[in-house]
Amino acid sequence: MREPLLTPMAAGVAYAVAALVLSGVLSPVLTGELRGPLARPQTILPMLLVNGVWGAVCGVCALGVRRLRGGAV
């Protein structure tokens, strides 16, 4: 992985965006009403931030593994 911190962080944010879109499409189909983050817009930013932070945590772990294996940081 070229960017062991940035790549998982971006993946976390992309996951949050995908979950946001899917919940907006599927909740009305499955339950008949809008549910999830789009129904409560104040939850969208925290959702993006939390997923980005978890991605960053995974990136820090990847940096640690790279360092333990003797690779360049």
N, C-alpha and C. Protein backbone atom coordinates (compact mmCIF):
# COMPACT_ATOMS: atom_id res chain seq x y z
N MET A 1 0.86 -1.17 0.00
CA MET A 1 0.00 0.00 0.00
C MET A 1 0.91 1.23 0.00
N ARG A 2 0.70 2.12 -0.92
CA ARG A 2 1.54 3.32 -1.02
C ARG A 2 1.31 4.29 0.11
N GLU A 3 0.08 4.54 0.45
CA GLU A 3 -0.28 5.48 1.51
C GLU A 3 -1.03 4.74 2.61
N PRO A 4 -0.32 4.12 3.54
CA PRO A 4 -0.99 3.26 4.52
C PRO A 4 -1.88 4.01 5.51
N LEU A 5 -1.77 5.31 5.58
CA LEU A 5 -2.67 6.06 6.46
C LEU A 5 -3.83 6.66 5.68
N LEU A 6 -3.53 7.25 4.55
CA LEU A 6 -4.56 7.95 3.77
C LEU A 6 -5.54 6.99 3.09
N THR A 7 -5.06 5.88 2.59
CA THR A 7 -5.92 4.95 1.86
C THR A 7 -7.04 4.38 2.72
N PRO A 8 -6.75 3.82 3.92
CA PRO A 8 -7.86 3.30 4.73
C PRO A 8 -8.79 4.40 5.23
N MET A 9 -8.24 5.60 5.46
CA MET A 9 -9.09 6.69 5.91
C MET A 9 -10.08 7.06 4.80
N ALA A 10 -9.60 7.13 3.58
CA ALA A 10 -10.49 7.41 2.45
C ALA A 10 -11.50 6.28 2.25
N ALA A 11 -11.06 5.04 2.48
CA ALA A 11 -11.98 3.90 2.37
C ALA A 11 -13.08 3.99 3.42
N GLY A 12 -12.73 4.44 4.62
CA GLY A 12 -13.73 4.61 5.68
C GLY A 12 -14.77 5.65 5.31
N VAL A 13 -14.32 6.77 4.76
CA VAL A 13 -15.26 7.82 4.35
C VAL A 13 -16.10 7.34 3.16
N ALA A 14 -15.49 6.62 2.23
CA ALA A 14 -16.24 6.08 1.09
C ALA A 14 -17.30 5.09 1.56
N TYR A 15 -16.96 4.28 2.56
CA TYR A 15 -17.94 3.35 3.13
C TYR A 15 -19.12 4.12 3.74
N ALA A 16 -18.82 5.20 4.45
CA ALA A 16 -19.88 5.99 5.06
C ALA A 16 -20.80 6.59 3.99
N VAL A 17 -20.22 7.07 2.91
CA VAL A 17 -21.02 7.64 1.82
C VAL A 17 -21.88 6.56 1.17
N ALA A 18 -21.30 5.38 0.96
CA ALA A 18 -22.07 4.27 0.38
C ALA A 18 -23.21 3.85 1.29
N ALA A 19 -22.95 3.79 2.59
CA ALA A 19 -24.00 3.43 3.55
C ALA A 19 -25.10 4.49 3.57
N LEU A 20 -24.70 5.73 3.44
CA LEU A 20 -25.66 6.84 3.40
C LEU A 20 -26.58 6.71 2.19
N VAL A 21 -25.99 6.48 1.04
CA VAL A 21 -26.77 6.35 -0.20
C VAL A 21 -27.66 5.11 -0.15
N LEU A 22 -27.09 3.99 0.28
CA LEU A 22 -27.89 2.75 0.33
C LEU A 22 -29.04 2.86 1.32
N SER A 23 -28.82 3.48 2.46
CA SER A 23 -29.91 3.62 3.42
C SER A 23 -31.00 4.54 2.87
N GLY A 24 -30.58 5.56 2.10
CA GLY A 24 -31.56 6.45 1.51
C GLY A 24 -32.40 5.79 0.43
N VAL A 25 -31.81 4.83 -0.28
CA VAL A 25 -32.52 4.12 -1.34
C VAL A 25 -33.33 2.95 -0.78
N LEU A 26 -32.71 2.18 0.09
CA LEU A 26 -33.34 0.94 0.53
C LEU A 26 -34.36 1.11 1.66
N SER A 27 -34.17 2.08 2.56
CA SER A 27 -35.12 2.19 3.67
C SER A 27 -36.54 2.49 3.21
N PRO A 28 -36.75 3.38 2.24
CA PRO A 28 -38.14 3.58 1.79
C PRO A 28 -38.72 2.34 1.10
N VAL A 29 -37.86 1.60 0.41
CA VAL A 29 -38.33 0.40 -0.29
C VAL A 29 -38.71 -0.68 0.72
N LEU A 30 -37.87 -0.86 1.73
CA LEU A 30 -38.08 -1.96 2.68
C LEU A 30 -39.06 -1.63 3.80
N THR A 31 -39.07 -0.38 4.26
CA THR A 31 -39.93 -0.04 5.40
C THR A 31 -41.06 0.91 5.04
N GLY A 32 -41.01 1.49 3.86
CA GLY A 32 -42.05 2.42 3.46
C GLY A 32 -41.81 3.84 3.91
N GLU A 33 -40.75 4.09 4.65
CA GLU A 33 -40.43 5.45 5.08
C GLU A 33 -38.92 5.63 5.14
N LEU A 34 -38.49 6.88 5.04
CA LEU A 34 -37.07 7.18 5.08
C LEU A 34 -36.56 7.03 6.51
N ARG A 35 -35.51 6.23 6.66
CA ARG A 35 -34.86 6.03 7.95
C ARG A 35 -33.37 6.19 7.78
N GLY A 36 -32.66 6.17 8.87
CA GLY A 36 -31.20 6.26 8.80
C GLY A 36 -30.72 7.69 8.82
N PRO A 37 -29.48 7.91 8.39
CA PRO A 37 -28.86 9.23 8.50
C PRO A 37 -29.57 10.32 7.69
N LEU A 38 -30.15 9.97 6.56
CA LEU A 38 -30.83 11.00 5.77
C LEU A 38 -32.09 11.50 6.46
N ALA A 39 -32.68 10.68 7.30
CA ALA A 39 -33.86 11.11 8.06
C ALA A 39 -33.45 12.02 9.22
N ARG A 40 -32.20 11.90 9.65
CA ARG A 40 -31.65 12.73 10.73
C ARG A 40 -30.35 13.36 10.22
N PRO A 41 -30.45 14.46 9.48
CA PRO A 41 -29.25 15.04 8.83
C PRO A 41 -28.12 15.40 9.80
N GLN A 42 -28.44 15.65 11.06
CA GLN A 42 -27.39 15.99 12.02
C GLN A 42 -26.45 14.81 12.29
N THR A 43 -26.79 13.63 11.83
CA THR A 43 -25.94 12.45 12.05
C THR A 43 -24.98 12.19 10.88
N ILE A 44 -25.12 12.92 9.79
CA ILE A 44 -24.30 12.64 8.61
C ILE A 44 -22.82 12.98 8.86
N LEU A 45 -22.53 14.15 9.37
CA LEU A 45 -21.14 14.54 9.61
C LEU A 45 -20.47 13.62 10.63
N PRO A 46 -21.09 13.34 11.78
CA PRO A 46 -20.45 12.40 12.70
C PRO A 46 -20.23 11.02 12.09
N MET A 47 -21.13 10.58 11.25
CA MET A 47 -20.97 9.28 10.58
C MET A 47 -19.72 9.29 9.69
N LEU A 48 -19.54 10.34 8.92
CA LEU A 48 -18.37 10.47 8.06
C LEU A 48 -17.08 10.55 8.89
N LEU A 49 -17.12 11.32 9.97
CA LEU A 49 -15.95 11.48 10.82
C LEU A 49 -15.56 10.18 11.51
N VAL A 50 -16.54 9.49 12.06
CA VAL A 50 -16.25 8.24 12.78
C VAL A 50 -15.66 7.21 11.83
N ASN A 51 -16.23 7.07 10.65
CA ASN A 51 -15.69 6.10 9.69
C ASN A 51 -14.30 6.51 9.22
N GLY A 52 -14.06 7.80 9.05
CA GLY A 52 -12.73 8.28 8.68
C GLY A 52 -11.71 8.01 9.78
N VAL A 53 -12.12 8.19 11.03
CA VAL A 53 -11.22 7.94 12.16
C VAL A 53 -10.89 6.45 12.24
N TRP A 54 -11.90 5.59 12.08
CA TRP A 54 -11.63 4.15 12.10
C TRP A 54 -10.68 3.76 10.96
N GLY A 55 -10.83 4.37 9.82
CA GLY A 55 -9.90 4.12 8.73
C GLY A 55 -8.50 4.57 9.09
N ALA A 56 -8.39 5.72 9.76
CA ALA A 56 -7.08 6.21 10.18
C ALA A 56 -6.45 5.27 11.20
N VAL A 57 -7.26 4.73 12.12
CA VAL A 57 -6.75 3.75 13.09
C VAL A 57 -6.19 2.53 12.36
N CYS A 58 -6.92 2.06 11.36
CA CYS A 58 -6.41 0.93 10.56
C CYS A 58 -5.13 1.31 9.83
N GLY A 59 -5.04 2.55 9.37
CA GLY A 59 -3.83 3.01 8.71
C GLY A 59 -2.64 3.06 9.65
N VAL A 60 -2.87 3.48 10.88
CA VAL A 60 -1.79 3.48 11.88
C VAL A 60 -1.33 2.05 12.14
N CYS A 61 -2.27 1.13 12.22
CA CYS A 61 -1.91 -0.29 12.38
C CYS A 61 -1.08 -0.77 11.18
N ALA A 62 -1.46 -0.36 9.99
CA ALA A 62 -0.71 -0.74 8.79
C ALA A 62 0.71 -0.17 8.83
N LEU A 63 0.84 1.07 9.30
CA LEU A 63 2.18 1.66 9.45
C LEU A 63 3.01 0.86 10.45
N GLY A 64 2.38 0.45 11.54
CA GLY A 64 3.08 -0.36 12.54
C GLY A 64 3.55 -1.69 11.98
N VAL A 65 2.68 -2.34 11.22
CA VAL A 65 3.04 -3.62 10.61
C VAL A 65 4.18 -3.41 9.61
N ARG A 66 4.09 -2.36 8.83
CA ARG A 66 5.16 -2.06 7.86
C ARG A 66 6.49 -1.84 8.57
N ARG A 67 6.44 -1.11 9.66
CA ARG A 67 7.66 -0.82 10.41
C ARG A 67 8.23 -2.11 11.03
N LEU A 68 7.35 -2.97 11.55
CA LEU A 68 7.80 -4.23 12.13
C LEU A 68 8.43 -5.15 11.09
N ARG A 69 7.92 -5.09 9.88
CA ARG A 69 8.46 -5.93 8.80
C ARG A 69 9.73 -5.35 8.18
N GLY A 70 10.09 -4.14 8.60
CA GLY A 70 11.32 -3.53 8.12
C GLY A 70 11.17 -2.77 6.83
N GLY A 71 9.94 -2.44 6.44
CA GLY A 71 9.73 -1.68 5.21
C GLY A 71 9.91 -0.20 5.45
N ALA A 72 9.97 0.53 4.36
CA ALA A 72 10.09 1.99 4.44
C ALA A 72 8.78 2.58 4.91
N VAL A 73 8.85 3.64 5.67
CA VAL A 73 7.65 4.29 6.20
C VAL A 73 7.25 5.45 5.37
